Amino acid sequence: EMILRRASPDDLLAAAQKSGMRTLQQDALEKAAQGMTSLAEVM
């Protein structure tokens, strides 16, 4: 419904995160915390 109403990308992102979506950067930061990569590489 938000897409059909042409909601802004920021509004879509906020709604998605509210429903549990993790962003690419959040997923990468979690993997850096697990030692799979470095913080510099994530950034």
ModelCIF file with pLDDT and N, C-alpha, C, O atoms, coordinates in Angstrom:
data_MODEL
#
_entry.id   MODEL 
#
_entity.id                         1 
_entity.type                       polymer 
_entity.pdbx_number_of_molecules   1 
#
_entity_poly.entity_id                      1 
_entity_poly.type                           'polypeptide(L)' 
_entity_poly.nstd_linkage                   no 
_entity_poly.nstd_monomer                   no 
_entity_poly.pdbx_seq_one_letter_code       EMILRRASPDDLLAAAQKSGMRTLQQDALEKAAQGMTSLAEVM 
_entity_poly.pdbx_seq_one_letter_code_can   EMILRRASPDDLLAAAQKSGMRTLQQDALEKAAQGMTSLAEVM 
_entity_poly.pdbx_strand_id                 A 
#
loop_
_entity_poly_seq.entity_id 
_entity_poly_seq.num 
_entity_poly_seq.mon_id 
_entity_poly_seq.hetero 
1 1  GLU n 
1 2  MET n 
1 3  ILE n 
1 4  LEU n 
1 5  ARG n 
1 6  ARG n 
1 7  ALA n 
1 8  SER n 
1 9  PRO n 
1 10 ASP n 
1 11 ASP n 
1 12 LEU n 
1 13 LEU n 
1 14 ALA n 
1 15 ALA n 
1 16 ALA n 
1 17 GLN n 
1 18 LYS n 
1 19 SER n 
1 20 GLY n 
1 21 MET n 
1 22 ARG n 
1 23 THR n 
1 24 LEU n 
1 25 GLN n 
1 26 GLN n 
1 27 ASP n 
1 28 ALA n 
1 29 LEU n 
1 30 GLU n 
1 31 LYS n 
1 32 ALA n 
1 33 ALA n 
1 34 GLN n 
1 35 GLY n 
1 36 MET n 
1 37 THR n 
1 38 SER n 
1 39 LEU n 
1 40 ALA n 
1 41 GLU n 
1 42 VAL n 
1 43 MET n 
#
_struct_asym.id          A 
_struct_asym.entity_id   1 
#
loop_
_ma_qa_metric.id 
_ma_qa_metric.mode 
_ma_qa_metric.name 
_ma_qa_metric.software_group_id 
_ma_qa_metric.type 
1 global pLDDT . pLDDT 
2 local  pLDDT . pLDDT 
#
_ma_qa_metric_global.metric_id      1 
_ma_qa_metric_global.metric_value   91.72 
_ma_qa_metric_global.model_id       1 
_ma_qa_metric_global.ordinal_id     1 
#
loop_
_ma_qa_metric_local.label_asym_id 
_ma_qa_metric_local.label_comp_id 
_ma_qa_metric_local.label_seq_id 
_ma_qa_metric_local.metric_id 
_ma_qa_metric_local.metric_value 
_ma_qa_metric_local.model_id 
_ma_qa_metric_local.ordinal_id 
A GLU 1  2 96.00 1 1  
A MET 2  2 96.00 1 2  
A ILE 3  2 95.00 1 3  
A LEU 4  2 96.00 1 4  
A ARG 5  2 96.00 1 5  
A ARG 6  2 96.00 1 6  
A ALA 7  2 96.00 1 7  
A SER 8  2 96.00 1 8  
A PRO 9  2 93.00 1 9  
A ASP 10 2 94.00 1 10 
A ASP 11 2 95.00 1 11 
A LEU 12 2 94.00 1 12 
A LEU 13 2 92.00 1 13 
A ALA 14 2 93.00 1 14 
A ALA 15 2 93.00 1 15 
A ALA 16 2 93.00 1 16 
A GLN 17 2 92.00 1 17 
A LYS 18 2 91.00 1 18 
A SER 19 2 90.00 1 19 
A GLY 20 2 91.00 1 20 
A MET 21 2 93.00 1 21 
A ARG 22 2 91.00 1 22 
A THR 23 2 91.00 1 23 
A LEU 24 2 92.00 1 24 
A GLN 25 2 93.00 1 25 
A GLN 26 2 93.00 1 26 
A ASP 27 2 94.00 1 27 
A ALA 28 2 93.00 1 28 
A LEU 29 2 93.00 1 29 
A GLU 30 2 93.00 1 30 
A LYS 31 2 92.00 1 31 
A ALA 32 2 90.00 1 32 
A ALA 33 2 91.00 1 33 
A GLN 34 2 89.00 1 34 
A GLY 35 2 84.00 1 35 
A MET 36 2 87.00 1 36 
A THR 37 2 86.00 1 37 
A SER 38 2 85.00 1 38 
A LEU 39 2 88.00 1 39 
A ALA 40 2 84.00 1 40 
A GLU 41 2 86.00 1 41 
A VAL 42 2 89.00 1 42 
A MET 43 2 89.00 1 43 
#
loop_
_atom_site.group_PDB 
_atom_site.id 
_atom_site.type_symbol 
_atom_site.label_atom_id 
_atom_site.label_alt_id 
_atom_site.label_comp_id 
_atom_site.label_asym_id 
_atom_site.label_entity_id 
_atom_site.label_seq_id 
_atom_site.pdbx_PDB_ins_code 
_atom_site.Cartn_x 
_atom_site.Cartn_y 
_atom_site.Cartn_z 
_atom_site.occupancy 
_atom_site.B_iso_or_equiv 
_atom_site.pdbx_formal_charge 
_atom_site.auth_seq_id 
_atom_site.auth_comp_id 
_atom_site.auth_asym_id 
_atom_site.auth_atom_id 
_atom_site.pdbx_PDB_model_num 
ATOM 1   N N  . GLU A 1 1  ? 0.823  -1.212  0.000  1.00 96.00 ? 1  GLU A N  1 
ATOM 2   C CA . GLU A 1 1  ? 0.000  0.000   0.000  1.00 96.00 ? 1  GLU A CA 1 
ATOM 3   C C  . GLU A 1 1  ? 0.856  1.260   0.000  1.00 96.00 ? 1  GLU A C  1 
ATOM 4   O O  . GLU A 1 1  ? 0.522  2.245   -0.659 1.00 96.00 ? 1  GLU A O  1 
ATOM 5   N N  . MET A 1 2  ? 1.949  1.226   0.732  1.00 96.00 ? 2  MET A N  1 
ATOM 6   C CA . MET A 1 2  ? 2.863  2.378   0.737  1.00 96.00 ? 2  MET A CA 1 
ATOM 7   C C  . MET A 1 2  ? 3.463  2.598   -0.648 1.00 96.00 ? 2  MET A C  1 
ATOM 8   O O  . MET A 1 2  ? 3.587  3.733   -1.108 1.00 96.00 ? 2  MET A O  1 
ATOM 9   N N  . ILE A 1 3  ? 3.832  1.511   -1.303 1.00 95.00 ? 3  ILE A N  1 
ATOM 10  C CA . ILE A 1 3  ? 4.411  1.616   -2.646 1.00 95.00 ? 3  ILE A CA 1 
ATOM 11  C C  . ILE A 1 3  ? 3.381  2.189   -3.618 1.00 95.00 ? 3  ILE A C  1 
ATOM 12  O O  . ILE A 1 3  ? 3.696  3.062   -4.426 1.00 95.00 ? 3  ILE A O  1 
ATOM 13  N N  . LEU A 1 4  ? 2.165  1.696   -3.532 1.00 96.00 ? 4  LEU A N  1 
ATOM 14  C CA . LEU A 1 4  ? 1.106  2.198   -4.420 1.00 96.00 ? 4  LEU A CA 1 
ATOM 15  C C  . LEU A 1 4  ? 0.796  3.673   -4.164 1.00 96.00 ? 4  LEU A C  1 
ATOM 16  O O  . LEU A 1 4  ? 0.407  4.399   -5.079 1.00 96.00 ? 4  LEU A O  1 
ATOM 17  N N  . ARG A 1 5  ? 0.970  4.108   -2.922 1.00 96.00 ? 5  ARG A N  1 
ATOM 18  C CA . ARG A 1 5  ? 0.758  5.526   -2.590 1.00 96.00 ? 5  ARG A CA 1 
ATOM 19  C C  . ARG A 1 5  ? 1.988  6.371   -2.916 1.00 96.00 ? 5  ARG A C  1 
ATOM 20  O O  . ARG A 1 5  ? 2.005  7.581   -2.688 1.00 96.00 ? 5  ARG A O  1 
ATOM 21  N N  . ARG A 1 6  ? 3.010  5.717   -3.449 1.00 96.00 ? 6  ARG A N  1 
ATOM 22  C CA . ARG A 1 6  ? 4.276  6.381   -3.792 1.00 96.00 ? 6  ARG A CA 1 
ATOM 23  C C  . ARG A 1 6  ? 4.920  7.025   -2.567 1.00 96.00 ? 6  ARG A C  1 
ATOM 24  O O  . ARG A 1 6  ? 5.342  8.182   -2.600 1.00 96.00 ? 6  ARG A O  1 
ATOM 25  N N  . ALA A 1 7  ? 4.984  6.255   -1.498 1.00 96.00 ? 7  ALA A N  1 
ATOM 26  C CA . ALA A 1 7  ? 5.645  6.717   -0.277 1.00 96.00 ? 7  ALA A CA 1 
ATOM 27  C C  . ALA A 1 7  ? 7.120  6.979   -0.564 1.00 96.00 ? 7  ALA A C  1 
ATOM 28  O O  . ALA A 1 7  ? 7.695  6.391   -1.480 1.00 96.00 ? 7  ALA A O  1 
ATOM 29  N N  . SER A 1 8  ? 7.711  7.838   0.202  1.00 96.00 ? 8  SER A N  1 
ATOM 30  C CA . SER A 1 8  ? 9.126  8.160   0.004  1.00 96.00 ? 8  SER A CA 1 
ATOM 31  C C  . SER A 1 8  ? 9.996  6.954   0.391  1.00 96.00 ? 8  SER A C  1 
ATOM 32  O O  . SER A 1 8  ? 9.588  6.116   1.195  1.00 96.00 ? 8  SER A O  1 
ATOM 33  N N  . PRO A 1 9  ? 11.179 6.882   -0.185 1.00 93.00 ? 9  PRO A N  1 
ATOM 34  C CA . PRO A 1 9  ? 12.094 5.797   0.196  1.00 93.00 ? 9  PRO A CA 1 
ATOM 35  C C  . PRO A 1 9  ? 12.388 5.796   1.699  1.00 93.00 ? 9  PRO A C  1 
ATOM 36  O O  . PRO A 1 9  ? 12.501 4.729   2.302  1.00 93.00 ? 9  PRO A O  1 
ATOM 37  N N  . ASP A 1 10 ? 12.511 6.962   2.299  1.00 94.00 ? 10 ASP A N  1 
ATOM 38  C CA . ASP A 1 10 ? 12.766 7.025   3.738  1.00 94.00 ? 10 ASP A CA 1 
ATOM 39  C C  . ASP A 1 10 ? 11.610 6.437   4.529  1.00 94.00 ? 10 ASP A C  1 
ATOM 40  O O  . ASP A 1 10 ? 11.832 5.731   5.513  1.00 94.00 ? 10 ASP A O  1 
ATOM 41  N N  . ASP A 1 11 ? 10.369 6.717   4.112  1.00 95.00 ? 11 ASP A N  1 
ATOM 42  C CA . ASP A 1 11 ? 9.207  6.158   4.794  1.00 95.00 ? 11 ASP A CA 1 
ATOM 43  C C  . ASP A 1 11 ? 9.138  4.646   4.620  1.00 95.00 ? 11 ASP A C  1 
ATOM 44  O O  . ASP A 1 11 ? 8.803  3.928   5.563  1.00 95.00 ? 11 ASP A O  1 
ATOM 45  N N  . LEU A 1 12 ? 9.452  4.157   3.424  1.00 94.00 ? 12 LEU A N  1 
ATOM 46  C CA . LEU A 1 12 ? 9.468  2.712   3.186  1.00 94.00 ? 12 LEU A CA 1 
ATOM 47  C C  . LEU A 1 12 ? 10.533 2.030   4.041  1.00 94.00 ? 12 LEU A C  1 
ATOM 48  O O  . LEU A 1 12 ? 10.289 0.974   4.624  1.00 94.00 ? 12 LEU A O  1 
ATOM 49  N N  . LEU A 1 13 ? 11.711 2.639   4.109  1.00 92.00 ? 13 LEU A N  1 
ATOM 50  C CA . LEU A 1 13 ? 12.792 2.077   4.915  1.00 92.00 ? 13 LEU A CA 1 
ATOM 51  C C  . LEU A 1 13 ? 12.392 2.033   6.388  1.00 92.00 ? 13 LEU A C  1 
ATOM 52  O O  . LEU A 1 13 ? 12.606 1.025   7.062  1.00 92.00 ? 13 LEU A O  1 
ATOM 53  N N  . ALA A 1 14 ? 11.819 3.113   6.881  1.00 93.00 ? 14 ALA A N  1 
ATOM 54  C CA . ALA A 1 14 ? 11.392 3.156   8.285  1.00 93.00 ? 14 ALA A CA 1 
ATOM 55  C C  . ALA A 1 14 ? 10.360 2.069   8.572  1.00 93.00 ? 14 ALA A C  1 
ATOM 56  O O  . ALA A 1 14 ? 10.448 1.388   9.594  1.00 93.00 ? 14 ALA A O  1 
ATOM 57  N N  . ALA A 1 15 ? 9.396  1.903   7.691  1.00 93.00 ? 15 ALA A N  1 
ATOM 58  C CA . ALA A 1 15 ? 8.371  0.877   7.881  1.00 93.00 ? 15 ALA A CA 1 
ATOM 59  C C  . ALA A 1 15 ? 8.982  -0.523  7.828  1.00 93.00 ? 15 ALA A C  1 
ATOM 60  O O  . ALA A 1 15 ? 8.617  -1.394  8.618  1.00 93.00 ? 15 ALA A O  1 
ATOM 61  N N  . ALA A 1 16 ? 9.904  -0.734  6.904  1.00 93.00 ? 16 ALA A N  1 
ATOM 62  C CA . ALA A 1 16 ? 10.544 -2.045  6.782  1.00 93.00 ? 16 ALA A CA 1 
ATOM 63  C C  . ALA A 1 16 ? 11.354 -2.370  8.031  1.00 93.00 ? 16 ALA A C  1 
ATOM 64  O O  . ALA A 1 16 ? 11.300 -3.494  8.530  1.00 93.00 ? 16 ALA A O  1 
ATOM 65  N N  . GLN A 1 17 ? 12.097 -1.403  8.533  1.00 92.00 ? 17 GLN A N  1 
ATOM 66  C CA . GLN A 1 17 ? 12.892 -1.635  9.737  1.00 92.00 ? 17 GLN A CA 1 
ATOM 67  C C  . GLN A 1 17 ? 11.993 -1.863  10.948 1.00 92.00 ? 17 GLN A C  1 
ATOM 68  O O  . GLN A 1 17 ? 12.314 -2.672  11.819 1.00 92.00 ? 17 GLN A O  1 
ATOM 69  N N  . LYS A 1 18 ? 10.884 -1.161  11.003 1.00 91.00 ? 18 LYS A N  1 
ATOM 70  C CA . LYS A 1 18 ? 9.941  -1.351  12.101 1.00 91.00 ? 18 LYS A CA 1 
ATOM 71  C C  . LYS A 1 18 ? 9.389  -2.779  12.106 1.00 91.00 ? 18 LYS A C  1 
ATOM 72  O O  . LYS A 1 18 ? 9.094  -3.339  13.162 1.00 91.00 ? 18 LYS A O  1 
ATOM 73  N N  . SER A 1 19 ? 9.253  -3.359  10.907 1.00 90.00 ? 19 SER A N  1 
ATOM 74  C CA . SER A 1 19 ? 8.748  -4.728  10.822 1.00 90.00 ? 19 SER A CA 1 
ATOM 75  C C  . SER A 1 19 ? 9.861  -5.773  10.918 1.00 90.00 ? 19 SER A C  1 
ATOM 76  O O  . SER A 1 19 ? 9.610  -6.965  10.740 1.00 90.00 ? 19 SER A O  1 
ATOM 77  N N  . GLY A 1 20 ? 11.093 -5.328  11.199 1.00 91.00 ? 20 GLY A N  1 
ATOM 78  C CA . GLY A 1 20 ? 12.175 -6.273  11.462 1.00 91.00 ? 20 GLY A CA 1 
ATOM 79  C C  . GLY A 1 20 ? 13.271 -6.375  10.431 1.00 91.00 ? 20 GLY A C  1 
ATOM 80  O O  . GLY A 1 20 ? 14.202 -7.159  10.619 1.00 91.00 ? 20 GLY A O  1 
ATOM 81  N N  . MET A 1 21 ? 13.207 -5.620  9.347  1.00 93.00 ? 21 MET A N  1 
ATOM 82  C CA . MET A 1 21 ? 14.250 -5.698  8.330  1.00 93.00 ? 21 MET A CA 1 
ATOM 83  C C  . MET A 1 21 ? 15.570 -5.129  8.869  1.00 93.00 ? 21 MET A C  1 
ATOM 84  O O  . MET A 1 21 ? 15.590 -4.083  9.519  1.00 93.00 ? 21 MET A O  1 
ATOM 85  N N  . ARG A 1 22 ? 16.655 -5.831  8.589  1.00 91.00 ? 22 ARG A N  1 
ATOM 86  C CA . ARG A 1 22 ? 17.992 -5.311  8.873  1.00 91.00 ? 22 ARG A CA 1 
ATOM 87  C C  . ARG A 1 22 ? 18.582 -4.817  7.566  1.00 91.00 ? 22 ARG A C  1 
ATOM 88  O O  . ARG A 1 22 ? 18.423 -5.455  6.525  1.00 91.00 ? 22 ARG A O  1 
ATOM 89  N N  . THR A 1 23 ? 19.256 -3.693  7.619  1.00 91.00 ? 23 THR A N  1 
ATOM 90  C CA . THR A 1 23 ? 19.867 -3.146  6.412  1.00 91.00 ? 23 THR A CA 1 
ATOM 91  C C  . THR A 1 23 ? 21.145 -3.919  6.075  1.00 91.00 ? 23 THR A C  1 
ATOM 92  O O  . THR A 1 23 ? 21.652 -4.703  6.877  1.00 91.00 ? 23 THR A O  1 
ATOM 93  N N  . LEU A 1 24 ? 21.638 -3.674  4.885  1.00 92.00 ? 24 LEU A N  1 
ATOM 94  C CA . LEU A 1 24 ? 22.888 -4.285  4.441  1.00 92.00 ? 24 LEU A CA 1 
ATOM 95  C C  . LEU A 1 24 ? 24.006 -3.963  5.426  1.00 92.00 ? 24 LEU A C  1 
ATOM 96  O O  . LEU A 1 24 ? 24.780 -4.840  5.811  1.00 92.00 ? 24 LEU A O  1 
ATOM 97  N N  . GLN A 1 25 ? 24.082 -2.697  5.829  1.00 93.00 ? 25 GLN A N  1 
ATOM 98  C CA . GLN A 1 25 ? 25.143 -2.294  6.744  1.00 93.00 ? 25 GLN A CA 1 
ATOM 99  C C  . GLN A 1 25 ? 24.966 -2.936  8.118  1.00 93.00 ? 25 GLN A C  1 
ATOM 100 O O  . GLN A 1 25 ? 25.952 -3.330  8.740  1.00 93.00 ? 25 GLN A O  1 
ATOM 101 N N  . GLN A 1 26 ? 23.748 -3.046  8.597  1.00 93.00 ? 26 GLN A N  1 
ATOM 102 C CA . GLN A 1 26 ? 23.522 -3.696  9.887  1.00 93.00 ? 26 GLN A CA 1 
ATOM 103 C C  . GLN A 1 26 ? 23.954 -5.156  9.846  1.00 93.00 ? 26 GLN A C  1 
ATOM 104 O O  . GLN A 1 26 ? 24.561 -5.646  10.798 1.00 93.00 ? 26 GLN A O  1 
ATOM 105 N N  . ASP A 1 27 ? 23.651 -5.858  8.758  1.00 94.00 ? 27 ASP A N  1 
ATOM 106 C CA . ASP A 1 27 ? 24.063 -7.250  8.619  1.00 94.00 ? 27 ASP A CA 1 
ATOM 107 C C  . ASP A 1 27 ? 25.583 -7.358  8.568  1.00 94.00 ? 27 ASP A C  1 
ATOM 108 O O  . ASP A 1 27 ? 26.167 -8.243  9.193  1.00 94.00 ? 27 ASP A O  1 
ATOM 109 N N  . ALA A 1 28 ? 26.218 -6.465  7.830  1.00 93.00 ? 28 ALA A N  1 
ATOM 110 C CA . ALA A 1 28 ? 27.680 -6.482  7.724  1.00 93.00 ? 28 ALA A CA 1 
ATOM 111 C C  . ALA A 1 28 ? 28.327 -6.158  9.071  1.00 93.00 ? 28 ALA A C  1 
ATOM 112 O O  . ALA A 1 28 ? 29.335 -6.769  9.427  1.00 93.00 ? 28 ALA A O  1 
ATOM 113 N N  . LEU A 1 29 ? 27.767 -5.208  9.828  1.00 93.00 ? 29 LEU A N  1 
ATOM 114 C CA . LEU A 1 29 ? 28.310 -4.868  11.144 1.00 93.00 ? 29 LEU A CA 1 
ATOM 115 C C  . LEU A 1 29 ? 28.211 -6.056  12.101 1.00 93.00 ? 29 LEU A C  1 
ATOM 116 O O  . LEU A 1 29 ? 29.111 -6.283  12.910 1.00 93.00 ? 29 LEU A O  1 
ATOM 117 N N  . GLU A 1 30 ? 27.129 -6.804  12.008 1.00 93.00 ? 30 GLU A N  1 
ATOM 118 C CA . GLU A 1 30 ? 27.001 -8.000  12.840 1.00 93.00 ? 30 GLU A CA 1 
ATOM 119 C C  . GLU A 1 30 ? 28.082 -9.020  12.497 1.00 93.00 ? 30 GLU A C  1 
ATOM 120 O O  . GLU A 1 30 ? 28.648 -9.661  13.383 1.00 93.00 ? 30 GLU A O  1 
ATOM 121 N N  . LYS A 1 31 ? 28.360 -9.163  11.209 1.00 92.00 ? 31 LYS A N  1 
ATOM 122 C CA . LYS A 1 31 ? 29.400 -10.106 10.790 1.00 92.00 ? 31 LYS A CA 1 
ATOM 123 C C  . LYS A 1 31 ? 30.786 -9.622  11.206 1.00 92.00 ? 31 LYS A C  1 
ATOM 124 O O  . LYS A 1 31 ? 31.661 -10.434 11.505 1.00 92.00 ? 31 LYS A O  1 
ATOM 125 N N  . ALA A 1 32 ? 30.989 -8.312  11.226 1.00 90.00 ? 32 ALA A N  1 
ATOM 126 C CA . ALA A 1 32 ? 32.264 -7.777  11.713 1.00 90.00 ? 32 ALA A CA 1 
ATOM 127 C C  . ALA A 1 32 ? 32.412 -8.054  13.207 1.00 90.00 ? 32 ALA A C  1 
ATOM 128 O O  . ALA A 1 32 ? 33.501 -8.395  13.668 1.00 90.00 ? 32 ALA A O  1 
ATOM 129 N N  . ALA A 1 33 ? 31.329 -7.910  13.962 1.00 91.00 ? 33 ALA A N  1 
ATOM 130 C CA . ALA A 1 33 ? 31.373 -8.196  15.399 1.00 91.00 ? 33 ALA A CA 1 
ATOM 131 C C  . ALA A 1 33 ? 31.665 -9.669  15.668 1.00 91.00 ? 33 ALA A C  1 
ATOM 132 O O  . ALA A 1 33 ? 32.218 -10.012 16.712 1.00 91.00 ? 33 ALA A O  1 
ATOM 133 N N  . GLN A 1 34 ? 31.297 -10.538 14.734 1.00 89.00 ? 34 GLN A N  1 
ATOM 134 C CA . GLN A 1 34 ? 31.571 -11.971 14.856 1.00 89.00 ? 34 GLN A CA 1 
ATOM 135 C C  . GLN A 1 34 ? 32.991 -12.321 14.410 1.00 89.00 ? 34 GLN A C  1 
ATOM 136 O O  . GLN A 1 34 ? 33.410 -13.474 14.514 1.00 89.00 ? 34 GLN A O  1 
ATOM 137 N N  . GLY A 1 35 ? 33.730 -11.324 13.912 1.00 84.00 ? 35 GLY A N  1 
ATOM 138 C CA . GLY A 1 35 ? 35.103 -11.557 13.477 1.00 84.00 ? 35 GLY A CA 1 
ATOM 139 C C  . GLY A 1 35 ? 35.228 -12.055 12.053 1.00 84.00 ? 35 GLY A C  1 
ATOM 140 O O  . GLY A 1 35 ? 36.309 -12.485 11.649 1.00 84.00 ? 35 GLY A O  1 
ATOM 141 N N  . MET A 1 36 ? 34.155 -12.009 11.282 1.00 87.00 ? 36 MET A N  1 
ATOM 142 C CA . MET A 1 36 ? 34.192 -12.498 9.904  1.00 87.00 ? 36 MET A CA 1 
ATOM 143 C C  . MET A 1 36 ? 34.841 -11.506 8.955  1.00 87.00 ? 36 MET A C  1 
ATOM 144 O O  . MET A 1 36 ? 35.296 -11.893 7.878  1.00 87.00 ? 36 MET A O  1 
ATOM 145 N N  . THR A 1 37 ? 34.892 -10.240 9.330  1.00 86.00 ? 37 THR A N  1 
ATOM 146 C CA . THR A 1 37 ? 35.474 -9.193  8.503  1.00 86.00 ? 37 THR A CA 1 
ATOM 147 C C  . THR A 1 37 ? 35.882 -8.050  9.412  1.00 86.00 ? 37 THR A C  1 
ATOM 148 O O  . THR A 1 37 ? 35.668 -8.110  10.623 1.00 86.00 ? 37 THR A O  1 
ATOM 149 N N  . SER A 1 38 ? 36.458 -7.024  8.845  1.00 85.00 ? 38 SER A N  1 
ATOM 150 C CA . SER A 1 38 ? 36.879 -5.873  9.650  1.00 85.00 ? 38 SER A CA 1 
ATOM 151 C C  . SER A 1 38 ? 35.861 -4.742  9.528  1.00 85.00 ? 38 SER A C  1 
ATOM 152 O O  . SER A 1 38 ? 35.086 -4.684  8.574  1.00 85.00 ? 38 SER A O  1 
ATOM 153 N N  . LEU A 1 39 ? 35.879 -3.859  10.498 1.00 88.00 ? 39 LEU A N  1 
ATOM 154 C CA . LEU A 1 39 ? 35.006 -2.692  10.464 1.00 88.00 ? 39 LEU A CA 1 
ATOM 155 C C  . LEU A 1 39 ? 35.344 -1.816  9.258  1.00 88.00 ? 39 LEU A C  1 
ATOM 156 O O  . LEU A 1 39 ? 34.448 -1.251  8.631  1.00 88.00 ? 39 LEU A O  1 
ATOM 157 N N  . ALA A 1 40 ? 36.612 -1.704  8.939  1.00 84.00 ? 40 ALA A N  1 
ATOM 158 C CA . ALA A 1 40 ? 37.024 -0.907  7.777  1.00 84.00 ? 40 ALA A CA 1 
ATOM 159 C C  . ALA A 1 40 ? 36.427 -1.469  6.483  1.00 84.00 ? 40 ALA A C  1 
ATOM 160 O O  . ALA A 1 40 ? 35.996 -0.709  5.616  1.00 84.00 ? 40 ALA A O  1 
ATOM 161 N N  . GLU A 1 41 ? 36.402 -2.783  6.356  1.00 86.00 ? 41 GLU A N  1 
ATOM 162 C CA . GLU A 1 41 ? 35.841 -3.404  5.155  1.00 86.00 ? 41 GLU A CA 1 
ATOM 163 C C  . GLU A 1 41 ? 34.332 -3.202  5.097  1.00 86.00 ? 41 GLU A C  1 
ATOM 164 O O  . GLU A 1 41 ? 33.779 -2.987  4.019  1.00 86.00 ? 41 GLU A O  1 
ATOM 165 N N  . VAL A 1 42 ? 33.662 -3.269  6.240  1.00 89.00 ? 42 VAL A N  1 
ATOM 166 C CA . VAL A 1 42 ? 32.217 -3.012  6.276  1.00 89.00 ? 42 VAL A CA 1 
ATOM 167 C C  . VAL A 1 42 ? 31.936 -1.598  5.787  1.00 89.00 ? 42 VAL A C  1 
ATOM 168 O O  . VAL A 1 42 ? 31.052 -1.391  4.956  1.00 89.00 ? 42 VAL A O  1 
ATOM 169 N N  . MET A 1 43 ? 32.676 -0.638  6.292  1.00 89.00 ? 43 MET A N  1 
ATOM 170 C CA . MET A 1 43 ? 32.444 0.751   5.906  1.00 89.00 ? 43 MET A CA 1 
ATOM 171 C C  . MET A 1 43 ? 32.773 0.971   4.434  1.00 89.00 ? 43 MET A C  1 
ATOM 172 O O  . MET A 1 43 ? 32.637 2.086   3.930  1.00 89.00 ? 43 MET A O  1 
#
